[in-house]
Amino acid sequence: MSFVEVLPLAIVMISGPQIISSIFLSTSERWRANSTAYVFGSTLSISLVVVVAYLLGNSVGGSGGGLLGASARQLLYVVVLVLLLYAAVETYRKRTVSEPPEWMGELTSAEPQFSFRLGFLLLGFFPTNIITSISVGTYLAANGAPVTDAAGFVLLTLFILALPLLGVFVLGERAETVLPEIRDWMNDNSWIISEAVIALFIVLTLQNLFG
């Protein structure tokens, strides 16, 4: 069940500048190389943060039973809950930011090296993203689930990030019209979807904490 439970958090990972950057890069001069580098950089950073959080959570929670193990697992759930509440507040606080940063306009002429660094930093260490990835790793550790249960979360995040690139392959020149419309809609409404997903995961965490 842990494998399925963490899947929705992929939506939180891509909401905001993450998917908007992907759309810009998919319509850039070197769109194939830039989009590929962006997704590859994202793969490394998301996986790194999730694995580190999982290992730290495992070292705190331990694999044994008893009062100490149970108390440690409860503590991990509390940590996850605090992180999720912070992510919810941050998402709500930034909901009125309707315009993307000015540097996004430069992505149309970006180089693959820059796209790789952007994917690595934006998906791995953007405030809401690092909180979400840490929550996934800690949640799996608290449930005693293997770290491989995060694979679905990582792969779904990467698949959504790659959708603009796939859209260019499928739509061709039409993508120049369709993708900006999707970008604008995501920029205006993605915070609502993120809040709904975070709320769902908060409920799951509370069930584990008090169940």
N, C-alpha and C. Protein backbone atom coordinates (compact mmCIF):
# COMPACT_ATOMS: atom_id res chain seq x y z
N MET A 1 0.82 -1.21 0.00
CA MET A 1 0.00 0.00 0.00
C MET A 1 0.86 1.26 0.00
N SER A 2 2.05 1.23 0.62
CA SER A 2 2.90 2.41 0.67
C SER A 2 3.26 2.87 -0.73
N PHE A 3 3.47 1.92 -1.64
CA PHE A 3 3.81 2.23 -3.03
C PHE A 3 2.73 3.11 -3.65
N VAL A 4 1.46 2.76 -3.39
CA VAL A 4 0.32 3.50 -3.96
C VAL A 4 0.11 4.82 -3.21
N GLU A 5 0.28 4.80 -1.90
CA GLU A 5 -0.03 5.98 -1.08
C GLU A 5 0.83 7.19 -1.43
N VAL A 6 2.10 6.96 -1.79
CA VAL A 6 3.00 8.08 -2.06
C VAL A 6 2.89 8.58 -3.50
N LEU A 7 2.20 7.87 -4.37
CA LEU A 7 2.09 8.27 -5.77
C LEU A 7 1.50 9.67 -5.97
N PRO A 8 0.41 10.02 -5.28
CA PRO A 8 -0.19 11.34 -5.52
C PRO A 8 0.74 12.51 -5.26
N LEU A 9 1.74 12.33 -4.42
CA LEU A 9 2.65 13.43 -4.11
C LEU A 9 3.49 13.84 -5.32
N ALA A 10 3.48 13.02 -6.35
CA ALA A 10 4.17 13.42 -7.59
C ALA A 10 3.56 14.69 -8.16
N ILE A 11 2.25 14.88 -7.93
CA ILE A 11 1.58 16.09 -8.42
C ILE A 11 2.15 17.33 -7.72
N VAL A 12 2.42 17.21 -6.43
CA VAL A 12 3.00 18.33 -5.69
C VAL A 12 4.40 18.65 -6.22
N MET A 13 5.13 17.63 -6.61
CA MET A 13 6.50 17.80 -7.08
C MET A 13 6.58 18.64 -8.34
N ILE A 14 5.60 18.54 -9.22
CA ILE A 14 5.70 19.21 -10.53
C ILE A 14 4.91 20.51 -10.58
N SER A 15 4.12 20.80 -9.57
CA SER A 15 3.28 22.00 -9.60
C SER A 15 4.12 23.26 -9.47
N GLY A 16 3.86 24.24 -10.31
CA GLY A 16 4.58 25.49 -10.23
C GLY A 16 5.70 25.59 -11.24
N PRO A 17 6.84 26.16 -10.84
CA PRO A 17 7.93 26.41 -11.80
C PRO A 17 8.52 25.12 -12.39
N GLN A 18 8.30 23.98 -11.74
CA GLN A 18 8.85 22.73 -12.24
C GLN A 18 8.27 22.35 -13.60
N ILE A 19 6.94 22.27 -13.69
CA ILE A 19 6.32 21.91 -14.95
C ILE A 19 6.38 23.06 -15.95
N ILE A 20 6.34 24.30 -15.45
CA ILE A 20 6.43 25.46 -16.32
C ILE A 20 7.80 25.50 -17.00
N SER A 21 8.86 25.20 -16.26
CA SER A 21 10.20 25.14 -16.84
C SER A 21 10.28 24.05 -17.89
N SER A 22 9.64 22.92 -17.62
CA SER A 22 9.63 21.82 -18.58
C SER A 22 8.97 22.25 -19.89
N ILE A 23 7.89 23.02 -19.79
CA ILE A 23 7.19 23.50 -20.99
C ILE A 23 8.07 24.47 -21.76
N PHE A 24 8.72 25.39 -21.06
CA PHE A 24 9.63 26.32 -21.73
C PHE A 24 10.74 25.57 -22.46
N LEU A 25 11.34 24.59 -21.79
CA LEU A 25 12.45 23.85 -22.39
C LEU A 25 12.01 23.02 -23.59
N SER A 26 10.79 22.52 -23.55
CA SER A 26 10.29 21.70 -24.67
C SER A 26 10.04 22.53 -25.93
N THR A 27 10.00 23.85 -25.78
CA THR A 27 9.84 24.73 -26.94
C THR A 27 11.10 25.56 -27.17
N SER A 28 12.22 25.15 -26.57
CA SER A 28 13.48 25.87 -26.74
C SER A 28 14.16 25.47 -28.04
N GLU A 29 15.26 26.15 -28.34
CA GLU A 29 15.98 25.89 -29.59
C GLU A 29 16.52 24.46 -29.64
N ARG A 30 17.04 23.97 -28.53
CA ARG A 30 17.57 22.59 -28.46
C ARG A 30 16.66 21.77 -27.56
N TRP A 31 15.40 21.68 -27.93
CA TRP A 31 14.37 21.14 -27.05
C TRP A 31 14.60 19.68 -26.68
N ARG A 32 15.09 18.86 -27.60
CA ARG A 32 15.33 17.45 -27.27
C ARG A 32 16.40 17.31 -26.18
N ALA A 33 17.55 17.93 -26.42
CA ALA A 33 18.66 17.83 -25.47
C ALA A 33 18.32 18.50 -24.15
N ASN A 34 17.68 19.66 -24.22
CA ASN A 34 17.35 20.39 -22.99
C ASN A 34 16.35 19.63 -22.13
N SER A 35 15.30 19.12 -22.74
CA SER A 35 14.27 18.40 -21.98
C SER A 35 14.84 17.12 -21.38
N THR A 36 15.66 16.41 -22.15
CA THR A 36 16.27 15.18 -21.65
C THR A 36 17.19 15.47 -20.47
N ALA A 37 18.02 16.52 -20.59
CA ALA A 37 18.93 16.89 -19.51
C ALA A 37 18.16 17.32 -18.27
N TYR A 38 17.07 18.03 -18.45
CA TYR A 38 16.23 18.49 -17.35
C TYR A 38 15.65 17.31 -16.57
N VAL A 39 15.10 16.35 -17.30
CA VAL A 39 14.51 15.17 -16.65
C VAL A 39 15.59 14.33 -15.97
N PHE A 40 16.75 14.20 -16.61
CA PHE A 40 17.84 13.41 -16.03
C PHE A 40 18.34 14.04 -14.73
N GLY A 41 18.53 15.36 -14.74
CA GLY A 41 18.93 16.04 -13.51
C GLY A 41 17.90 15.88 -12.41
N SER A 42 16.63 15.93 -12.79
CA SER A 42 15.55 15.74 -11.82
C SER A 42 15.59 14.34 -11.23
N THR A 43 15.86 13.35 -12.07
CA THR A 43 15.93 11.96 -11.62
C THR A 43 16.95 11.80 -10.50
N LEU A 44 18.13 12.36 -10.72
CA LEU A 44 19.21 12.20 -9.75
C LEU A 44 18.87 12.87 -8.42
N SER A 45 18.37 14.09 -8.47
CA SER A 45 18.16 14.83 -7.22
C SER A 45 16.98 14.28 -6.42
N ILE A 46 15.88 13.94 -7.10
CA ILE A 46 14.73 13.38 -6.37
C ILE A 46 15.12 12.07 -5.70
N SER A 47 15.78 11.20 -6.46
CA SER A 47 16.19 9.90 -5.92
C SER A 47 17.13 10.08 -4.74
N LEU A 48 18.07 11.02 -4.85
CA LEU A 48 19.04 11.26 -3.79
C LEU A 48 18.35 11.68 -2.50
N VAL A 49 17.44 12.65 -2.59
CA VAL A 49 16.78 13.16 -1.39
C VAL A 49 15.90 12.08 -0.75
N VAL A 50 15.16 11.33 -1.57
CA VAL A 50 14.28 10.29 -1.03
C VAL A 50 15.09 9.21 -0.31
N VAL A 51 16.18 8.77 -0.94
CA VAL A 51 17.00 7.70 -0.35
C VAL A 51 17.65 8.17 0.94
N VAL A 52 18.20 9.38 0.95
CA VAL A 52 18.84 9.90 2.18
C VAL A 52 17.80 10.02 3.30
N ALA A 53 16.61 10.55 2.99
CA ALA A 53 15.56 10.67 4.00
C ALA A 53 15.13 9.30 4.51
N TYR A 54 15.05 8.35 3.61
CA TYR A 54 14.67 6.98 4.00
C TYR A 54 15.71 6.37 4.94
N LEU A 55 16.99 6.51 4.59
CA LEU A 55 18.05 5.93 5.42
C LEU A 55 18.09 6.59 6.80
N LEU A 56 17.91 7.91 6.83
CA LEU A 56 17.88 8.60 8.12
C LEU A 56 16.67 8.17 8.94
N GLY A 57 15.53 8.03 8.26
CA GLY A 57 14.32 7.58 8.95
C GLY A 57 14.48 6.17 9.48
N ASN A 58 15.11 5.31 8.70
CA ASN A 58 15.34 3.94 9.13
C ASN A 58 16.27 3.88 10.34
N SER A 59 17.28 4.75 10.35
CA SER A 59 18.22 4.75 11.47
C SER A 59 17.55 5.22 12.76
N VAL A 60 16.54 6.09 12.62
CA VAL A 60 15.80 6.56 13.79
C VAL A 60 14.76 5.54 14.23
N GLY A 61 14.00 5.02 13.24
CA GLY A 61 12.91 4.11 13.57
C GLY A 61 13.37 2.72 13.92
N GLY A 62 14.47 2.28 13.30
CA GLY A 62 14.93 0.93 13.56
C GLY A 62 14.01 -0.09 12.94
N SER A 63 14.45 -1.31 12.87
CA SER A 63 13.66 -2.39 12.28
C SER A 63 13.06 -3.31 13.32
N GLY A 64 13.45 -3.11 14.57
CA GLY A 64 12.95 -4.00 15.60
C GLY A 64 11.62 -3.56 16.16
N GLY A 65 11.01 -4.40 16.93
CA GLY A 65 9.72 -4.06 17.55
C GLY A 65 9.95 -3.45 18.90
N GLY A 66 8.95 -3.58 19.78
CA GLY A 66 9.09 -3.06 21.13
C GLY A 66 8.71 -1.61 21.25
N LEU A 67 8.77 -1.12 22.47
CA LEU A 67 8.34 0.24 22.76
C LEU A 67 9.20 1.27 22.04
N LEU A 68 10.51 1.06 22.04
CA LEU A 68 11.41 2.02 21.41
C LEU A 68 11.12 2.13 19.93
N GLY A 69 10.97 0.97 19.26
CA GLY A 69 10.69 0.98 17.83
C GLY A 69 9.37 1.64 17.53
N ALA A 70 8.34 1.34 18.33
CA ALA A 70 7.02 1.93 18.12
C ALA A 70 7.05 3.44 18.34
N SER A 71 7.73 3.87 19.38
CA SER A 71 7.82 5.31 19.67
C SER A 71 8.57 6.04 18.57
N ALA A 72 9.63 5.41 18.06
CA ALA A 72 10.40 6.04 16.99
C ALA A 72 9.57 6.16 15.73
N ARG A 73 8.78 5.14 15.43
CA ARG A 73 7.92 5.21 14.23
C ARG A 73 6.87 6.30 14.40
N GLN A 74 6.32 6.45 15.59
CA GLN A 74 5.37 7.53 15.85
C GLN A 74 6.03 8.89 15.64
N LEU A 75 7.29 9.01 16.08
CA LEU A 75 8.02 10.25 15.89
C LEU A 75 8.20 10.56 14.41
N LEU A 76 8.48 9.53 13.61
CA LEU A 76 8.64 9.72 12.17
C LEU A 76 7.35 10.22 11.54
N TYR A 77 6.22 9.68 11.98
CA TYR A 77 4.94 10.15 11.46
C TYR A 77 4.69 11.61 11.83
N VAL A 78 5.11 12.00 13.05
CA VAL A 78 4.97 13.39 13.46
C VAL A 78 5.83 14.29 12.56
N VAL A 79 7.04 13.83 12.25
CA VAL A 79 7.93 14.59 11.36
C VAL A 79 7.28 14.77 10.00
N VAL A 80 6.73 13.68 9.46
CA VAL A 80 6.05 13.75 8.16
C VAL A 80 4.89 14.74 8.22
N LEU A 81 4.12 14.68 9.30
CA LEU A 81 2.96 15.56 9.44
C LEU A 81 3.38 17.02 9.47
N VAL A 82 4.43 17.34 10.22
CA VAL A 82 4.92 18.71 10.30
C VAL A 82 5.40 19.19 8.93
N LEU A 83 6.12 18.34 8.21
CA LEU A 83 6.61 18.70 6.88
C LEU A 83 5.46 18.97 5.92
N LEU A 84 4.43 18.13 5.98
CA LEU A 84 3.28 18.30 5.09
C LEU A 84 2.51 19.57 5.41
N LEU A 85 2.35 19.86 6.68
CA LEU A 85 1.66 21.10 7.07
C LEU A 85 2.43 22.32 6.59
N TYR A 86 3.75 22.25 6.69
CA TYR A 86 4.57 23.35 6.20
C TYR A 86 4.43 23.51 4.69
N ALA A 87 4.43 22.37 3.97
CA ALA A 87 4.26 22.40 2.52
C ALA A 87 2.91 23.00 2.15
N ALA A 88 1.87 22.65 2.91
CA ALA A 88 0.54 23.18 2.64
C ALA A 88 0.50 24.69 2.83
N VAL A 89 1.13 25.17 3.90
CA VAL A 89 1.17 26.60 4.16
C VAL A 89 1.94 27.34 3.08
N GLU A 90 3.10 26.79 2.67
CA GLU A 90 3.91 27.41 1.63
C GLU A 90 3.16 27.46 0.30
N THR A 91 2.48 26.37 -0.03
CA THR A 91 1.72 26.33 -1.27
C THR A 91 0.61 27.37 -1.27
N TYR A 92 -0.10 27.49 -0.16
CA TYR A 92 -1.18 28.47 -0.06
C TYR A 92 -0.63 29.89 -0.08
N ARG A 93 0.48 30.10 0.59
CA ARG A 93 1.05 31.45 0.67
C ARG A 93 1.48 31.97 -0.69
N LYS A 94 1.94 31.06 -1.56
CA LYS A 94 2.44 31.46 -2.87
C LYS A 94 1.40 31.31 -3.97
N ARG A 95 0.16 31.10 -3.58
CA ARG A 95 -0.89 30.87 -4.59
C ARG A 95 -1.14 32.09 -5.46
N THR A 96 -0.84 33.28 -4.95
CA THR A 96 -1.13 34.51 -5.70
C THR A 96 0.01 34.91 -6.62
N VAL A 97 1.09 34.14 -6.62
CA VAL A 97 2.21 34.44 -7.53
C VAL A 97 1.81 33.97 -8.91
N SER A 98 1.25 34.86 -9.70
CA SER A 98 0.67 34.49 -10.99
C SER A 98 1.64 34.55 -12.15
N GLU A 99 2.76 35.27 -11.97
CA GLU A 99 3.71 35.40 -13.06
C GLU A 99 4.96 34.58 -12.77
N PRO A 100 5.48 33.84 -13.75
CA PRO A 100 6.72 33.08 -13.55
C PRO A 100 7.90 34.02 -13.41
N PRO A 101 8.98 33.58 -12.77
CA PRO A 101 10.18 34.42 -12.63
C PRO A 101 10.71 34.85 -14.00
N GLU A 102 11.39 35.98 -14.03
CA GLU A 102 11.90 36.51 -15.29
C GLU A 102 12.90 35.57 -15.95
N TRP A 103 13.67 34.83 -15.13
CA TRP A 103 14.70 33.97 -15.72
C TRP A 103 14.11 32.86 -16.58
N MET A 104 12.81 32.56 -16.39
CA MET A 104 12.19 31.52 -17.20
C MET A 104 12.12 31.91 -18.68
N GLY A 105 12.06 33.21 -18.93
CA GLY A 105 12.03 33.66 -20.31
C GLY A 105 13.30 33.33 -21.06
N GLU A 106 14.40 33.09 -20.34
CA GLU A 106 15.68 32.77 -20.96
C GLU A 106 15.80 31.28 -21.29
N LEU A 107 14.83 30.47 -20.86
CA LEU A 107 14.93 29.03 -21.09
C LEU A 107 14.80 28.66 -22.56
N THR A 108 14.21 29.52 -23.36
CA THR A 108 14.04 29.20 -24.78
C THR A 108 15.38 29.13 -25.50
N SER A 109 16.41 29.74 -24.93
CA SER A 109 17.75 29.68 -25.53
C SER A 109 18.74 28.98 -24.61
N ALA A 110 18.23 28.13 -23.71
CA ALA A 110 19.07 27.46 -22.72
C ALA A 110 19.94 26.39 -23.37
N GLU A 111 21.02 26.02 -22.68
CA GLU A 111 21.91 24.94 -23.08
C GLU A 111 21.62 23.72 -22.21
N PRO A 112 21.93 22.50 -22.71
CA PRO A 112 21.66 21.27 -21.94
C PRO A 112 22.31 21.26 -20.56
N GLN A 113 23.53 21.84 -20.45
CA GLN A 113 24.19 21.85 -19.15
C GLN A 113 23.37 22.65 -18.13
N PHE A 114 22.85 23.78 -18.57
CA PHE A 114 22.01 24.58 -17.69
C PHE A 114 20.72 23.85 -17.35
N SER A 115 20.14 23.18 -18.34
CA SER A 115 18.89 22.44 -18.12
C SER A 115 19.09 21.32 -17.11
N PHE A 116 20.23 20.65 -17.17
CA PHE A 116 20.54 19.60 -16.20
C PHE A 116 20.62 20.17 -14.78
N ARG A 117 21.36 21.27 -14.64
CA ARG A 117 21.49 21.90 -13.31
C ARG A 117 20.14 22.38 -12.80
N LEU A 118 19.34 22.93 -13.70
CA LEU A 118 18.02 23.42 -13.31
C LEU A 118 17.15 22.27 -12.80
N GLY A 119 17.14 21.15 -13.53
CA GLY A 119 16.35 20.00 -13.09
C GLY A 119 16.83 19.47 -11.76
N PHE A 120 18.15 19.40 -11.58
CA PHE A 120 18.72 18.87 -10.34
C PHE A 120 18.35 19.75 -9.15
N LEU A 121 18.48 21.05 -9.31
CA LEU A 121 18.23 21.97 -8.19
C LEU A 121 16.74 22.21 -7.97
N LEU A 122 16.00 22.39 -9.06
CA LEU A 122 14.58 22.75 -8.93
C LEU A 122 13.75 21.61 -8.39
N LEU A 123 13.98 20.39 -8.90
CA LEU A 123 13.17 19.24 -8.45
C LEU A 123 13.67 18.66 -7.15
N GLY A 124 14.96 18.80 -6.88
CA GLY A 124 15.49 18.21 -5.67
C GLY A 124 15.48 19.13 -4.47
N PHE A 125 15.69 20.44 -4.70
CA PHE A 125 15.96 21.33 -3.57
C PHE A 125 15.08 22.57 -3.53
N PHE A 126 14.09 22.68 -4.41
CA PHE A 126 13.06 23.71 -4.27
C PHE A 126 12.32 23.43 -2.96
N PRO A 127 12.01 24.46 -2.15
CA PRO A 127 11.48 24.22 -0.80
C PRO A 127 10.37 23.18 -0.70
N THR A 128 9.29 23.32 -1.49
CA THR A 128 8.20 22.35 -1.38
C THR A 128 8.62 20.98 -1.90
N ASN A 129 9.56 20.95 -2.84
CA ASN A 129 9.99 19.67 -3.39
C ASN A 129 10.84 18.87 -2.42
N ILE A 130 11.79 19.54 -1.78
CA ILE A 130 12.64 18.81 -0.83
C ILE A 130 11.81 18.34 0.36
N ILE A 131 10.82 19.14 0.76
CA ILE A 131 9.93 18.73 1.85
C ILE A 131 9.11 17.51 1.43
N THR A 132 8.62 17.53 0.20
CA THR A 132 7.81 16.39 -0.30
C THR A 132 8.65 15.13 -0.41
N SER A 133 9.85 15.24 -0.97
CA SER A 133 10.72 14.07 -1.11
C SER A 133 11.12 13.50 0.25
N ILE A 134 11.44 14.39 1.19
CA ILE A 134 11.78 13.94 2.54
C ILE A 134 10.57 13.25 3.18
N SER A 135 9.38 13.80 2.94
CA SER A 135 8.16 13.19 3.49
C SER A 135 7.97 11.78 2.95
N VAL A 136 8.23 11.59 1.65
CA VAL A 136 8.09 10.26 1.04
C VAL A 136 9.07 9.28 1.67
N GLY A 137 10.34 9.66 1.73
CA GLY A 137 11.34 8.76 2.31
C GLY A 137 11.07 8.44 3.76
N THR A 138 10.70 9.45 4.53
CA THR A 138 10.42 9.25 5.96
C THR A 138 9.16 8.41 6.16
N TYR A 139 8.15 8.66 5.34
CA TYR A 139 6.89 7.91 5.44
C TYR A 139 7.13 6.42 5.17
N LEU A 140 7.92 6.12 4.15
CA LEU A 140 8.22 4.71 3.83
C LEU A 140 9.01 4.06 4.97
N ALA A 141 9.96 4.81 5.53
CA ALA A 141 10.74 4.27 6.66
C ALA A 141 9.84 4.00 7.86
N ALA A 142 8.92 4.92 8.13
CA ALA A 142 8.01 4.75 9.28
C ALA A 142 7.10 3.55 9.09
N ASN A 143 6.75 3.24 7.85
CA ASN A 143 5.89 2.10 7.56
C ASN A 143 6.65 0.78 7.44
N GLY A 144 7.97 0.86 7.53
CA GLY A 144 8.78 -0.34 7.37
C GLY A 144 8.76 -0.87 5.96
N ALA A 145 8.46 0.00 5.00
CA ALA A 145 8.40 -0.39 3.59
C ALA A 145 9.79 -0.26 2.97
N PRO A 146 10.07 -1.01 1.91
CA PRO A 146 11.37 -0.88 1.25
C PRO A 146 11.47 0.44 0.51
N VAL A 147 12.68 0.94 0.32
CA VAL A 147 12.88 2.21 -0.37
C VAL A 147 12.45 2.12 -1.83
N THR A 148 12.41 0.89 -2.36
CA THR A 148 11.97 0.71 -3.75
C THR A 148 10.50 1.10 -3.94
N ASP A 149 9.75 1.20 -2.84
CA ASP A 149 8.35 1.64 -2.95
C ASP A 149 8.26 3.10 -3.40
N ALA A 150 9.37 3.81 -3.37
CA ALA A 150 9.38 5.19 -3.85
C ALA A 150 9.53 5.26 -5.37
N ALA A 151 9.80 4.11 -6.01
CA ALA A 151 10.04 4.11 -7.45
C ALA A 151 8.85 4.66 -8.23
N GLY A 152 7.65 4.28 -7.83
CA GLY A 152 6.47 4.76 -8.53
C GLY A 152 6.33 6.27 -8.42
N PHE A 153 6.60 6.81 -7.24
CA PHE A 153 6.55 8.25 -7.00
C PHE A 153 7.55 8.98 -7.90
N VAL A 154 8.78 8.46 -7.95
CA VAL A 154 9.82 9.09 -8.77
C VAL A 154 9.47 9.00 -10.25
N LEU A 155 9.07 7.81 -10.70
CA LEU A 155 8.78 7.61 -12.12
C LEU A 155 7.58 8.43 -12.57
N LEU A 156 6.55 8.53 -11.74
CA LEU A 156 5.38 9.33 -12.11
C LEU A 156 5.75 10.81 -12.20
N THR A 157 6.58 11.28 -11.26
CA THR A 157 7.05 12.67 -11.32
C THR A 157 7.78 12.94 -12.62
N LEU A 158 8.68 12.02 -12.99
CA LEU A 158 9.47 12.19 -14.21
C LEU A 158 8.60 12.10 -15.46
N PHE A 159 7.60 11.21 -15.42
CA PHE A 159 6.71 11.07 -16.57
C PHE A 159 5.94 12.37 -16.82
N ILE A 160 5.43 12.98 -15.74
CA ILE A 160 4.69 14.24 -15.89
C ILE A 160 5.61 15.34 -16.39
N LEU A 161 6.85 15.35 -15.88
CA LEU A 161 7.82 16.35 -16.35
C LEU A 161 8.12 16.18 -17.84
N ALA A 162 8.08 14.94 -18.31
CA ALA A 162 8.40 14.65 -19.71
C ALA A 162 7.21 14.85 -20.64
N LEU A 163 6.01 15.08 -20.10
CA LEU A 163 4.82 15.23 -20.94
C LEU A 163 4.93 16.37 -21.96
N PRO A 164 5.47 17.54 -21.59
CA PRO A 164 5.63 18.58 -22.62
C PRO A 164 6.50 18.12 -23.78
N LEU A 165 7.58 17.40 -23.49
CA LEU A 165 8.44 16.87 -24.54
C LEU A 165 7.67 15.89 -25.42
N LEU A 166 6.91 15.00 -24.79
CA LEU A 166 6.10 14.04 -25.56
C LEU A 166 5.04 14.79 -26.37
N GLY A 167 4.52 15.88 -25.80
CA GLY A 167 3.52 16.66 -26.51
C GLY A 167 4.07 17.27 -27.79
N VAL A 168 5.34 17.69 -27.77
CA VAL A 168 5.97 18.24 -28.97
C VAL A 168 6.09 17.16 -30.05
N PHE A 169 6.46 15.95 -29.64
CA PHE A 169 6.57 14.83 -30.59
C PHE A 169 5.21 14.53 -31.22
N VAL A 170 4.16 14.56 -30.41
CA VAL A 170 2.82 14.18 -30.89
C VAL A 170 2.15 15.31 -31.66
N LEU A 171 2.22 16.53 -31.11
CA LEU A 171 1.47 17.64 -31.68
C LEU A 171 2.23 18.42 -32.74
N GLY A 172 3.54 18.32 -32.75
CA GLY A 172 4.32 19.06 -33.72
C GLY A 172 4.20 20.56 -33.51
N GLU A 173 3.93 21.31 -34.58
CA GLU A 173 3.84 22.77 -34.49
C GLU A 173 2.67 23.23 -33.63
N ARG A 174 1.64 22.40 -33.51
CA ARG A 174 0.49 22.76 -32.67
C ARG A 174 0.90 22.93 -31.21
N ALA A 175 1.99 22.29 -30.81
CA ALA A 175 2.45 22.37 -29.42
C ALA A 175 2.78 23.81 -29.04
N GLU A 176 3.20 24.64 -30.00
CA GLU A 176 3.53 26.03 -29.71
C GLU A 176 2.32 26.82 -29.25
N THR A 177 1.12 26.34 -29.62
CA THR A 177 -0.12 26.99 -29.18
C THR A 177 -0.69 26.33 -27.93
N VAL A 178 -0.67 24.99 -27.92
CA VAL A 178 -1.29 24.24 -26.83
C VAL A 178 -0.50 24.35 -25.53
N LEU A 179 0.82 24.18 -25.60
CA LEU A 179 1.64 24.15 -24.38
C LEU A 179 1.59 25.46 -23.59
N PRO A 180 1.65 26.64 -24.23
CA PRO A 180 1.51 27.87 -23.44
C PRO A 180 0.17 27.97 -22.72
N GLU A 181 -0.89 27.46 -23.33
CA GLU A 181 -2.20 27.48 -22.67
C GLU A 181 -2.19 26.59 -21.44
N ILE A 182 -1.58 25.40 -21.57
CA ILE A 182 -1.46 24.50 -20.42
C ILE A 182 -0.60 25.14 -19.34
N ARG A 183 0.49 25.78 -19.77
CA ARG A 183 1.39 26.45 -18.82
C ARG A 183 0.64 27.50 -18.02
N ASP A 184 -0.16 28.33 -18.69
CA ASP A 184 -0.90 29.39 -18.00
C ASP A 184 -1.93 28.81 -17.03
N TRP A 185 -2.59 27.71 -17.45
CA TRP A 185 -3.59 27.09 -16.57
C TRP A 185 -2.91 26.51 -15.33
N MET A 186 -1.78 25.83 -15.53
CA MET A 186 -1.05 25.26 -14.40
C MET A 186 -0.56 26.36 -13.46
N ASN A 187 -0.12 27.46 -14.03
CA ASN A 187 0.38 28.55 -13.22
C ASN A 187 -0.70 29.14 -12.33
N ASP A 188 -1.95 29.12 -12.81
CA ASP A 188 -3.06 29.70 -12.06
C ASP A 188 -3.73 28.73 -11.10
N ASN A 189 -3.72 27.42 -11.42
CA ASN A 189 -4.55 26.47 -10.67
C ASN A 189 -3.81 25.31 -10.01
N SER A 190 -2.52 25.17 -10.27
CA SER A 190 -1.82 24.00 -9.73
C SER A 190 -1.79 23.98 -8.21
N TRP A 191 -1.85 25.16 -7.57
CA TRP A 191 -1.79 25.19 -6.12
C TRP A 191 -3.00 24.49 -5.50
N ILE A 192 -4.16 24.57 -6.17
CA ILE A 192 -5.37 23.92 -5.65
C ILE A 192 -5.18 22.40 -5.66
N ILE A 193 -4.64 21.89 -6.77
CA ILE A 193 -4.41 20.45 -6.87
C ILE A 193 -3.39 20.01 -5.83
N SER A 194 -2.34 20.78 -5.67
CA SER A 194 -1.31 20.45 -4.68
C SER A 194 -1.88 20.39 -3.28
N GLU A 195 -2.71 21.38 -2.93
CA GLU A 195 -3.30 21.41 -1.59
C GLU A 195 -4.18 20.18 -1.36
N ALA A 196 -4.93 19.77 -2.39
CA ALA A 196 -5.80 18.60 -2.26
C ALA A 196 -4.97 17.34 -2.02
N VAL A 197 -3.87 17.20 -2.76
CA VAL A 197 -3.01 16.02 -2.59
C VAL A 197 -2.34 16.02 -1.22
N ILE A 198 -1.84 17.17 -0.79
CA ILE A 198 -1.22 17.27 0.53
C ILE A 198 -2.23 16.93 1.62
N ALA A 199 -3.45 17.43 1.48
CA ALA A 199 -4.50 17.14 2.47
C ALA A 199 -4.78 15.64 2.54
N LEU A 200 -4.81 14.98 1.39
CA LEU A 200 -5.02 13.52 1.36
C LEU A 200 -3.91 12.80 2.10
N PHE A 201 -2.67 13.22 1.86
CA PHE A 201 -1.54 12.55 2.51
C PHE A 201 -1.50 12.85 4.00
N ILE A 202 -1.95 14.03 4.39
CA ILE A 202 -2.04 14.36 5.82
C ILE A 202 -3.02 13.41 6.50
N VAL A 203 -4.14 13.15 5.84
CA VAL A 203 -5.14 12.21 6.40
C VAL A 203 -4.53 10.84 6.57
N LEU A 204 -3.80 10.36 5.56
CA LEU A 204 -3.16 9.04 5.64
C LEU A 204 -2.15 9.00 6.79
N THR A 205 -1.39 10.08 6.94
CA THR A 205 -0.40 10.14 8.02
C THR A 205 -1.07 10.13 9.39
N LEU A 206 -2.15 10.88 9.53
CA LEU A 206 -2.89 10.91 10.80
C LEU A 206 -3.47 9.53 11.13
N GLN A 207 -3.94 8.81 10.12
CA GLN A 207 -4.46 7.47 10.33
C GLN A 207 -3.38 6.55 10.86
N ASN A 208 -2.16 6.67 10.30
CA ASN A 208 -1.05 5.85 10.78
C ASN A 208 -0.60 6.29 12.17
N LEU A 209 -0.68 7.58 12.45
CA LEU A 209 -0.23 8.09 13.73
C LEU A 209 -1.13 7.67 14.87
N PHE A 210 -2.45 7.71 14.63
CA PHE A 210 -3.40 7.43 15.70
C PHE A 210 -4.11 6.08 15.53
N GLY A 211 -3.78 5.37 14.44
CA GLY A 211 -4.46 4.09 14.20
C GLY A 211 -3.91 2.98 15.04
